[in-house]
Amino acid sequence: MSFFRKFFELQIAMLQHNAGLTDSHPYASGPINWPFLLSGISFWTGKNEDREQVYLIGNVVGWWICVMAISVFVGVLGADQLAKRRGLTPIPIREFFVSPRSRSPVLELISL
């Protein structure tokens, strides 16, 4: 079985299993809580006599830095595409990246 076929088979199995879950529990978190990291993930490990609780919390700083970085990237990409449709070149193509003299842009950069 190929990787992608197995991957999609597992995704379908997880979706079907999660669709059948109806009971709630005190550690459940809804999608609105995820960006703000209002609740962590709590689960138990080990056998009955020596059970230990594991509680995971997210990294708030890392989460919001990634959200801002992705937002800036999408904004710059969108502005560039909009400018190209209007016939502008806000991010100019440098001539030394596409020089006919060199076989590789890396060699051209090294010779500067």
C-alpha atoms as a PDB file:
ATOM      1  CA  MET A   1       0.000   0.000   0.000  1.00  0.00           C
ATOM      2  CA  SER A   2       1.412   3.404  -0.935  1.00  0.00           C
ATOM      3  CA  PHE A   3       2.119   6.104   1.613  1.00  0.00           C
ATOM      4  CA  PHE A   4      -0.676   8.393   0.430  1.00  0.00           C
ATOM      5  CA  ARG A   5      -3.269   5.621   0.357  1.00  0.00           C
ATOM      6  CA  LYS A   6      -2.347   4.621   3.920  1.00  0.00           C
ATOM      7  CA  PHE A   7      -2.309   8.292   4.987  1.00  0.00           C
ATOM      8  CA  PHE A   8      -5.825   8.895   3.656  1.00  0.00           C
ATOM      9  CA  GLU A   9      -7.038   5.612   5.138  1.00  0.00           C
ATOM     10  CA  LEU A  10      -5.816   6.712   8.581  1.00  0.00           C
ATOM     11  CA  GLN A  11      -7.374  10.169   8.185  1.00  0.00           C
ATOM     12  CA  ILE A  12     -10.742   8.630   7.340  1.00  0.00           C
ATOM     13  CA  ALA A  13     -10.491   6.209  10.268  1.00  0.00           C
ATOM     14  CA  MET A  14      -9.747   9.080  12.675  1.00  0.00           C
ATOM     15  CA  LEU A  15     -12.614  11.190  11.334  1.00  0.00           C
ATOM     16  CA  GLN A  16     -15.055   8.296  11.632  1.00  0.00           C
ATOM     17  CA  HIS A  17     -13.897   7.538  15.176  1.00  0.00           C
ATOM     18  CA  ASN A  18     -14.112  11.177  16.288  1.00  0.00           C
ATOM     19  CA  ALA A  19     -17.555  11.596  14.706  1.00  0.00           C
ATOM     20  CA  GLY A  20     -18.814   8.809  16.962  1.00  0.00           C
ATOM     21  CA  LEU A  21     -17.664  10.502  20.176  1.00  0.00           C
ATOM     22  CA  THR A  22     -20.593  12.114  21.956  1.00  0.00           C
ATOM     23  CA  ASP A  23     -19.662  12.362  25.650  1.00  0.00           C
ATOM     24  CA  SER A  24     -17.981  15.479  26.963  1.00  0.00           C
ATOM     25  CA  HIS A  25     -15.344  15.646  29.669  1.00  0.00           C
ATOM     26  CA  PRO A  26     -13.970  18.431  31.880  1.00  0.00           C
ATOM     27  CA  TYR A  27     -10.710  18.687  29.921  1.00  0.00           C
ATOM     28  CA  ALA A  28     -12.334  19.221  26.522  1.00  0.00           C
ATOM     29  CA  SER A  29     -11.393  22.380  24.645  1.00  0.00           C
ATOM     30  CA  GLY A  30     -13.284  23.981  21.815  1.00  0.00           C
ATOM     31  CA  PRO A  31     -11.758  25.571  18.720  1.00  0.00           C
ATOM     32  CA  ILE A  32     -12.242  29.088  20.127  1.00  0.00           C
ATOM     33  CA  ASN A  33      -9.876  28.201  22.982  1.00  0.00           C
ATOM     34  CA  TRP A  34      -7.019  27.031  20.765  1.00  0.00           C
ATOM     35  CA  PRO A  35      -5.579  30.395  19.583  1.00  0.00           C
ATOM     36  CA  PHE A  36      -5.681  31.776  23.121  1.00  0.00           C
ATOM     37  CA  LEU A  37      -4.385  28.575  24.771  1.00  0.00           C
ATOM     38  CA  LEU A  38      -6.998  28.804  27.504  1.00  0.00           C
ATOM     39  CA  SER A  39      -6.797  25.135  28.431  1.00  0.00           C
ATOM     40  CA  GLY A  40      -4.130  22.501  28.144  1.00  0.00           C
ATOM     41  CA  ILE A  41      -4.235  18.810  27.365  1.00  0.00           C
ATOM     42  CA  SER A  42      -4.418  16.421  30.288  1.00  0.00           C
ATOM     43  CA  PHE A  43      -4.013  12.663  30.043  1.00  0.00           C
ATOM     44  CA  TRP A  44      -2.873   9.745  32.172  1.00  0.00           C
ATOM     45  CA  THR A  45      -0.075   7.288  31.606  1.00  0.00           C
ATOM     46  CA  GLY A  46       0.896   4.022  33.191  1.00  0.00           C
ATOM     47  CA  LYS A  47      -1.022   1.181  34.765  1.00  0.00           C
ATOM     48  CA  ASN A  48      -3.695   1.531  37.431  1.00  0.00           C
ATOM     49  CA  GLU A  49      -1.348   1.232  40.431  1.00  0.00           C
ATOM     50  CA  ASP A  50       1.241   3.780  39.246  1.00  0.00           C
ATOM     51  CA  ARG A  51      -0.696   6.215  37.077  1.00  0.00           C
ATOM     52  CA  GLU A  52       0.846   9.587  36.373  1.00  0.00           C
ATOM     53  CA  GLN A  53      -0.805  12.652  34.937  1.00  0.00           C
ATOM     54  CA  VAL A  54       0.745  14.500  32.013  1.00  0.00           C
ATOM     55  CA  TYR A  55      -0.455  18.063  31.418  1.00  0.00           C
ATOM     56  CA  LEU A  56       0.635  19.857  28.267  1.00  0.00           C
ATOM     57  CA  ILE A  57       0.301  23.576  27.736  1.00  0.00           C
ATOM     58  CA  GLY A  58       1.069  25.479  24.571  1.00  0.00           C
ATOM     59  CA  ASN A  59       3.747  28.070  24.048  1.00  0.00           C
ATOM     60  CA  VAL A  60       1.838  31.357  23.829  1.00  0.00           C
ATOM     61  CA  VAL A  61       4.802  33.393  22.582  1.00  0.00           C
ATOM     62  CA  GLY A  62       5.700  30.870  19.883  1.00  0.00           C
ATOM     63  CA  TRP A  63       2.074  30.553  18.782  1.00  0.00           C
ATOM     64  CA  TRP A  64       1.546  34.287  18.298  1.00  0.00           C
ATOM     65  CA  ILE A  65       4.939  34.834  16.644  1.00  0.00           C
ATOM     66  CA  CYS A  66       4.039  32.148  14.087  1.00  0.00           C
ATOM     67  CA  VAL A  67       0.572  33.664  13.549  1.00  0.00           C
ATOM     68  CA  MET A  68       2.086  37.111  12.942  1.00  0.00           C
ATOM     69  CA  ALA A  69       4.812  35.755  10.650  1.00  0.00           C
ATOM     70  CA  ILE A  70       2.303  33.853   8.525  1.00  0.00           C
ATOM     71  CA  SER A  71       0.047  36.929   8.395  1.00  0.00           C
ATOM     72  CA  VAL A  72       2.908  39.151   7.217  1.00  0.00           C
ATOM     73  CA  PHE A  73       3.952  36.577   4.603  1.00  0.00           C
ATOM     74  CA  VAL A  74       0.410  36.255   3.241  1.00  0.00           C
ATOM     75  CA  GLY A  75       0.048  40.062   3.228  1.00  0.00           C
ATOM     76  CA  VAL A  76       3.290  40.607   1.304  1.00  0.00           C
ATOM     77  CA  LEU A  77       2.408  37.818  -1.128  1.00  0.00           C
ATOM     78  CA  GLY A  78      -1.074  39.263  -1.674  1.00  0.00           C
ATOM     79  CA  ALA A  79       0.256  42.808  -2.166  1.00  0.00           C
ATOM     80  CA  ASP A  80       2.837  41.537  -4.652  1.00  0.00           C
ATOM     81  CA  GLN A  81       0.200  39.643  -6.652  1.00  0.00           C
ATOM     82  CA  LEU A  82      -2.086  42.687  -6.662  1.00  0.00           C
ATOM     83  CA  ALA A  83       0.761  44.914  -7.846  1.00  0.00           C
ATOM     84  CA  LYS A  84       1.650  42.465 -10.627  1.00  0.00           C
ATOM     85  CA  ARG A  85      -1.953  42.544 -11.862  1.00  0.00           C
ATOM     86  CA  ARG A  86      -1.720  46.343 -12.013  1.00  0.00           C
ATOM     87  CA  GLY A  87       1.539  46.178 -13.944  1.00  0.00           C
ATOM     88  CA  LEU A  88       3.821  47.309 -11.115  1.00  0.00           C
ATOM     89  CA  THR A  89       6.960  45.593  -9.816  1.00  0.00           C
ATOM     90  CA  PRO A  90       7.262  46.430  -6.099  1.00  0.00           C
ATOM     91  CA  ILE A  91       9.847  43.681  -5.590  1.00  0.00           C
ATOM     92  CA  PRO A  92      12.276  44.178  -8.485  1.00  0.00           C
ATOM     93  CA  ILE A  93      14.166  41.263  -9.975  1.00  0.00           C
ATOM     94  CA  ARG A  94      17.882  41.852  -9.587  1.00  0.00           C
ATOM     95  CA  GLU A  95      19.885  41.448 -12.757  1.00  0.00           C
ATOM     96  CA  PHE A  96      22.690  39.491 -11.118  1.00  0.00           C
ATOM     97  CA  PHE A  97      20.277  36.652 -10.294  1.00  0.00           C
ATOM     98  CA  VAL A  98      19.697  35.958 -13.986  1.00  0.00           C
ATOM     99  CA  SER A  99      23.017  36.856 -15.555  1.00  0.00           C
ATOM    100  CA  PRO A 100      23.813  35.041 -18.827  1.00  0.00           C
ATOM    101  CA  ARG A 101      27.540  35.052 -17.975  1.00  0.00           C
ATOM    102  CA  SER A 102      27.322  32.562 -15.145  1.00  0.00           C
ATOM    103  CA  ARG A 103      25.964  29.057 -15.044  1.00  0.00           C
ATOM    104  CA  SER A 104      24.633  29.452 -11.533  1.00  0.00           C
ATOM    105  CA  PRO A 105      23.158  32.383  -9.573  1.00  0.00           C
ATOM    106  CA  VAL A 106      25.341  31.269  -6.642  1.00  0.00           C
ATOM    107  CA  LEU A 107      28.540  31.724  -8.686  1.00  0.00           C
ATOM    108  CA  GLU A 108      27.390  35.192  -9.693  1.00  0.00           C
ATOM    109  CA  LEU A 109      26.763  36.138  -6.068  1.00  0.00           C
ATOM    110  CA  ILE A 110      30.197  34.854  -5.038  1.00  0.00           C
ATOM    111  CA  SER A 111      31.941  36.929  -7.702  1.00  0.00           C
ATOM    112  CA  LEU A 112      30.382  40.210  -6.483  1.00  0.00           C
END
